[in-house]
Amino acid sequence: MLSTLKQKYQMMRARNITEFSGYKRQLIEVPNAVFLQWQAKAKYEFPGIPSDAIFFARATEGLMMFFDYVRRSNRPCALPSKAVDSVWHAWNSWSSIHLDNFCLKHFGRTIPHVEAAQMSNEMDAALANCLVTAQRAEGRLPGSASLPRLFALDRKLHMPQGYSYFATSLRIGFRHMNTRAADTGKAIYPESFDATQLLAAGLISNLAYEEMMKKQAKAASAGASCGSSCGSSGNSSSSASCDASSGGCDSGGSSCGSSCGSSCGGGCGGGS
């Protein structure tokens, strides 16, 4: 009885997610068979993943976001969410032909599922392109330290072994999540997200770069004064206002490419 009521509630919530999504037109055309395939198969490929309708609806909405970013971009995009990838895998295994036709209808092209290993050194650049494209789509400053919804999805959904992205006042980083969906290990700040690299790659304009530099200088100045006051103060609670991440950090290029692009490089925006 309780199980049936819970399932009905989850289905109602899932329908609400579709109803109020900016991708409603696409989501209502996702076959129920994809959901059933995902429920049956995802738990084996992604151990510990929830199997409820709410999780599926959120992850599928994330897949629509990603497909939209591929459509908007003329460069390869990489997927930053394992939750989203679980739906992509299930849809591909149910019917790759249906998925191709769906993408042609709603996004104007087929979107191949490219494994991370096949993308090699392109992964870092593809992930940075996805970030900037997502920021533009959400009306954020391209390349800024602001986190788009797609990048925040694994953390929001508590995806086991997913990617926990976060934004400080200066930059965007991530931590790996363990089997219990808790953050683990050091914070990693991908070098490809750096403003200088984004400008060199042609992903942001000179104007956006200058704006980012101003904001970073302002944030760094505020952080320096905060660090000074925190260091000299005997009140440990004052450190709560300081913008720093615990657990150490790495600035990584290839470390991001091999691990935070999910298991797929995802539809090459202008390539294959």
Protein backbone atom coordinates (compact mmCIF):
# COMPACT_ATOMS: atom_id res chain seq x y z
CA MET A 1 0.00 0.00 0.00
CA LEU A 2 2.70 2.48 1.06
CA SER A 3 4.87 1.41 -1.86
CA THR A 4 2.02 2.03 -4.31
CA LEU A 5 1.32 5.48 -2.85
CA LYS A 6 5.02 6.33 -3.04
CA GLN A 7 5.18 5.33 -6.70
CA LYS A 8 2.09 7.40 -7.50
CA TYR A 9 3.60 10.41 -5.76
CA GLN A 10 6.86 9.97 -7.68
CA MET A 11 5.02 9.73 -10.99
CA MET A 12 3.05 12.88 -10.17
CA ARG A 13 6.28 14.74 -9.33
CA ALA A 14 7.87 13.47 -12.53
CA ARG A 15 4.91 14.76 -14.58
CA ASN A 16 5.25 18.15 -12.88
CA ILE A 17 8.92 18.29 -13.80
CA THR A 18 7.98 17.73 -17.43
CA GLU A 19 5.07 20.18 -17.31
CA PHE A 20 7.16 23.08 -16.02
CA SER A 21 10.37 22.32 -17.91
CA GLY A 22 11.69 24.53 -20.67
CA TYR A 23 12.07 21.27 -22.60
CA LYS A 24 8.46 20.12 -22.16
CA ARG A 25 7.93 19.65 -25.89
CA GLN A 26 10.87 17.22 -26.05
CA LEU A 27 10.23 15.46 -22.74
CA ILE A 28 6.63 14.49 -23.50
CA GLU A 29 7.93 12.61 -26.56
CA VAL A 30 10.43 10.48 -24.64
CA PRO A 31 8.93 6.96 -24.79
CA ASN A 32 8.02 5.24 -21.52
CA ALA A 33 10.05 2.31 -22.83
CA VAL A 34 13.21 4.37 -22.23
CA PHE A 35 12.22 4.75 -18.57
CA LEU A 36 11.59 1.00 -18.26
CA GLN A 37 14.92 0.22 -19.96
CA TRP A 38 16.69 2.65 -17.62
CA GLN A 39 15.06 1.09 -14.55
CA ALA A 40 16.10 -2.38 -15.67
CA LYS A 41 19.67 -1.65 -16.83
CA ALA A 42 21.11 1.48 -15.19
CA LYS A 43 21.53 -0.12 -11.75
CA TYR A 44 24.04 -2.59 -13.19
CA GLU A 45 26.12 -0.02 -15.08
CA PHE A 46 25.85 2.69 -12.40
CA PRO A 47 25.78 0.86 -9.04
CA GLY A 48 23.69 2.55 -6.37
CA ILE A 49 21.79 4.81 -8.78
CA PRO A 50 18.19 5.56 -7.70
CA SER A 51 15.51 4.02 -9.91
CA ASP A 52 12.56 6.32 -9.24
CA ALA A 53 10.61 8.39 -11.75
CA ILE A 54 11.70 11.72 -10.23
CA PHE A 55 15.40 10.96 -10.70
CA PHE A 56 14.73 9.80 -14.27
CA ALA A 57 12.75 12.95 -15.10
CA ARG A 58 15.51 15.24 -13.80
CA ALA A 59 18.25 13.29 -15.56
CA THR A 60 16.28 13.19 -18.82
CA GLU A 61 15.73 16.93 -18.63
CA GLY A 62 19.51 17.22 -18.22
CA LEU A 63 19.97 15.15 -21.37
CA MET A 64 17.73 17.57 -23.26
CA MET A 65 19.87 20.45 -21.96
CA PHE A 66 23.00 18.75 -23.21
CA PHE A 67 21.53 18.01 -26.63
CA ASP A 68 20.46 21.65 -26.82
CA TYR A 69 24.00 22.83 -26.03
CA VAL A 70 25.37 20.57 -28.75
CA ARG A 71 22.85 22.17 -31.14
CA ARG A 72 23.92 25.67 -30.12
CA SER A 73 27.64 25.00 -30.45
CA ASN A 74 29.85 24.38 -33.45
CA ARG A 75 32.44 22.52 -31.36
CA PRO A 76 32.57 19.21 -29.49
CA CYS A 77 30.77 19.19 -26.14
CA ALA A 78 31.47 16.87 -23.20
CA LEU A 79 28.86 15.72 -20.71
CA PRO A 80 29.56 16.60 -17.04
CA SER A 81 26.91 14.36 -15.46
CA LYS A 82 26.78 10.61 -14.87
CA ALA A 83 23.09 10.83 -13.99
CA VAL A 84 22.39 12.21 -17.46
CA ASP A 85 24.68 9.65 -19.05
CA SER A 86 22.69 6.84 -17.45
CA VAL A 87 19.62 7.90 -19.45
CA TRP A 88 21.63 8.32 -22.64
CA HIS A 89 23.01 4.80 -22.30
CA ALA A 90 19.57 3.33 -21.64
CA TRP A 91 18.04 5.11 -24.64
CA ASN A 92 20.88 4.01 -26.90
CA SER A 93 20.55 0.40 -25.78
CA TRP A 94 16.75 0.46 -26.24
CA SER A 95 16.88 1.97 -29.74
CA SER A 96 19.72 4.06 -31.12
CA ILE A 97 17.66 4.59 -34.29
CA HIS A 98 14.79 6.08 -32.31
CA LEU A 99 17.21 8.34 -30.45
CA ASP A 100 18.77 9.53 -33.72
CA ASN A 101 15.33 10.34 -35.13
CA PHE A 102 14.37 12.14 -31.91
CA CYS A 103 17.51 14.29 -32.05
CA LEU A 104 16.97 15.06 -35.73
CA LYS A 105 13.43 16.21 -35.02
CA HIS A 106 14.13 18.30 -31.93
CA PHE A 107 17.78 19.36 -32.28
CA GLY A 108 18.37 19.33 -36.01
CA ARG A 109 21.05 16.63 -36.08
CA THR A 110 22.02 13.24 -34.74
CA ILE A 111 24.20 13.38 -31.63
CA PRO A 112 26.68 10.51 -31.40
CA HIS A 113 27.65 9.03 -28.06
CA VAL A 114 31.45 9.25 -28.09
CA GLU A 115 33.37 7.48 -25.33
CA ALA A 116 35.86 9.56 -23.33
CA ALA A 117 38.77 7.39 -24.45
CA GLN A 118 37.97 8.20 -28.07
CA MET A 119 38.08 11.94 -27.41
CA SER A 120 41.59 11.76 -25.97
CA ASN A 121 43.00 15.26 -25.42
CA GLU A 122 39.82 16.89 -26.75
CA MET A 123 37.90 16.17 -23.54
CA ASP A 124 39.12 19.21 -21.56
CA ALA A 125 38.29 21.62 -24.38
CA ALA A 126 34.94 19.91 -25.00
CA LEU A 127 33.99 20.23 -21.34
CA ALA A 128 34.97 23.91 -21.31
CA ASN A 129 32.86 24.44 -24.42
CA CYS A 130 29.89 22.78 -22.74
CA LEU A 131 30.34 25.04 -19.70
CA VAL A 132 30.46 28.27 -21.71
CA THR A 133 27.57 27.21 -23.95
CA ALA A 134 25.46 26.34 -20.90
CA GLN A 135 26.26 29.67 -19.27
CA ARG A 136 25.22 31.58 -22.39
CA ALA A 137 21.99 29.57 -22.61
CA GLU A 138 21.15 30.53 -19.02
CA GLY A 139 22.04 34.19 -19.48
CA ARG A 140 25.21 33.98 -17.38
CA LEU A 141 28.53 35.66 -18.18
CA PRO A 142 30.41 33.15 -20.40
CA GLY A 143 33.40 31.71 -18.57
CA SER A 144 32.44 33.23 -15.22
CA ALA A 145 32.50 31.40 -11.90
CA SER A 146 28.80 30.61 -12.07
CA LEU A 147 27.50 27.06 -12.20
CA PRO A 148 24.93 26.09 -14.87
CA ARG A 149 22.19 23.62 -13.96
CA LEU A 150 23.64 20.76 -15.98
CA PHE A 151 26.94 20.95 -14.10
CA ALA A 152 25.15 20.97 -10.74
CA LEU A 153 22.90 18.01 -11.55
CA ASP A 154 24.89 15.06 -10.14
CA ARG A 155 25.25 16.84 -6.83
CA LYS A 156 21.57 17.79 -6.76
CA LEU A 157 20.46 14.24 -7.52
CA HIS A 158 23.02 12.62 -5.17
CA MET A 159 24.39 10.54 -8.02
CA PRO A 160 26.68 7.76 -6.69
CA GLN A 161 30.22 8.19 -8.09
CA GLY A 162 29.11 11.31 -9.90
CA TYR A 163 30.78 14.72 -10.17
CA SER A 164 30.16 17.34 -7.52
CA TYR A 165 30.75 20.67 -9.27
CA PHE A 166 30.84 23.90 -7.30
CA ALA A 167 31.65 27.57 -7.88
CA THR A 168 33.65 29.85 -5.62
CA SER A 169 33.88 33.60 -6.19
CA LEU A 170 36.94 32.97 -8.37
CA ARG A 171 36.52 29.71 -10.27
CA ILE A 172 34.66 26.48 -10.90
CA GLY A 173 35.88 23.14 -9.64
CA PHE A 174 34.62 19.68 -8.80
CA ARG A 175 35.14 16.75 -6.49
CA HIS A 176 34.45 13.12 -7.16
CA MET A 177 31.52 11.57 -5.32
CA ASN A 178 31.74 8.17 -3.65
CA THR A 179 29.29 5.27 -3.73
CA ARG A 180 27.17 7.05 -1.11
CA ALA A 181 27.07 10.20 -3.28
CA ALA A 182 29.24 12.13 -0.79
CA ASP A 183 32.10 14.38 -1.90
CA THR A 184 35.49 12.74 -1.61
CA GLY A 185 39.11 13.64 -2.27
CA LYS A 186 40.66 16.90 -3.36
CA ALA A 187 38.93 19.69 -5.22
CA ILE A 188 40.01 19.83 -8.85
CA TYR A 189 39.98 23.08 -10.80
CA PRO A 190 40.21 22.28 -14.54
CA GLU A 191 42.75 24.47 -16.31
CA SER A 192 40.50 24.54 -19.37
CA PHE A 193 38.00 26.62 -17.34
CA ASP A 194 40.57 29.35 -16.76
CA ALA A 195 39.68 32.70 -18.38
CA THR A 196 42.98 32.93 -20.22
CA GLN A 197 42.52 29.49 -21.77
CA LEU A 198 38.90 30.19 -22.65
CA LEU A 199 39.98 33.37 -24.45
CA ALA A 200 42.81 31.58 -26.26
CA ALA A 201 40.38 28.87 -27.36
CA GLY A 202 38.01 31.50 -28.75
CA LEU A 203 35.23 30.48 -26.36
CA ILE A 204 34.82 33.95 -24.83
CA SER A 205 35.24 37.48 -26.19
CA ASN A 206 37.85 40.02 -25.13
CA LEU A 207 35.08 41.99 -23.43
CA ALA A 208 33.95 38.96 -21.42
CA TYR A 209 37.58 38.21 -20.54
CA GLU A 210 38.16 41.75 -19.26
CA GLU A 211 34.97 41.60 -17.21
CA MET A 212 36.05 38.30 -15.70
CA MET A 213 39.48 39.68 -14.85
CA LYS A 214 37.89 42.62 -13.05
CA LYS A 215 35.62 40.35 -11.04
CA GLN A 216 38.45 37.98 -10.20
CA ALA A 217 40.69 40.83 -9.09
CA LYS A 218 37.90 42.16 -6.89
CA ALA A 219 37.22 38.73 -5.42
CA ALA A 220 40.92 38.05 -4.88
CA SER A 221 41.31 41.38 -3.10
CA ALA A 222 38.33 40.63 -0.87
CA GLY A 223 39.68 37.14 -0.23
CA ALA A 224 43.11 38.50 0.71
CA SER A 225 41.61 40.89 3.25
CA CYS A 226 39.40 38.12 4.56
CA GLY A 227 42.38 35.80 4.86
CA SER A 228 44.30 38.43 6.75
CA SER A 229 41.47 39.05 9.19
CA CYS A 230 40.84 35.33 9.60
CA GLY A 231 44.49 34.69 10.23
CA SER A 232 44.80 37.40 12.84
CA SER A 233 41.50 36.78 14.57
CA GLY A 234 41.18 34.48 17.51
CA ASN A 235 37.56 33.81 16.68
CA SER A 236 37.51 30.65 14.58
CA SER A 237 33.94 31.28 13.43
CA SER A 238 35.13 34.22 11.34
CA SER A 239 36.62 31.77 8.85
CA ALA A 240 33.13 30.80 7.77
CA SER A 241 32.97 33.89 5.58
CA CYS A 242 36.26 33.16 3.87
CA ASP A 243 36.03 31.77 0.35
CA ALA A 244 38.22 28.71 0.42
CA SER A 245 37.69 25.05 -0.29
CA SER A 246 38.64 22.36 2.18
CA GLY A 247 40.56 19.23 1.44
CA GLY A 248 43.20 20.74 -0.79
CA CYS A 249 42.95 21.27 -4.51
CA ASP A 250 44.53 20.46 -7.81
CA SER A 251 44.65 22.50 -10.97
CA GLY A 252 44.29 19.91 -13.63
CA GLY A 253 44.01 19.67 -17.35
CA SER A 254 43.91 16.03 -18.32
CA SER A 255 42.67 15.03 -14.87
CA CYS A 256 39.40 16.68 -15.80
CA GLY A 257 39.34 15.25 -19.29
CA SER A 258 39.59 11.68 -18.15
CA SER A 259 37.20 11.88 -15.27
CA CYS A 260 34.60 14.63 -15.39
CA GLY A 261 33.32 14.23 -18.90
CA SER A 262 31.22 11.30 -17.73
CA SER A 263 31.78 8.17 -19.74
CA CYS A 264 31.12 9.92 -22.98
CA GLY A 265 32.41 12.86 -24.87
CA GLY A 266 28.96 13.39 -26.14
CA GLY A 267 27.80 14.79 -29.36
CA CYS A 268 30.57 16.54 -31.11
CA GLY A 269 29.04 19.90 -31.80
CA GLY A 270 30.60 20.41 -35.17
CA GLY A 271 32.45 17.21 -35.75
CA SER A 272 31.55 13.61 -36.16
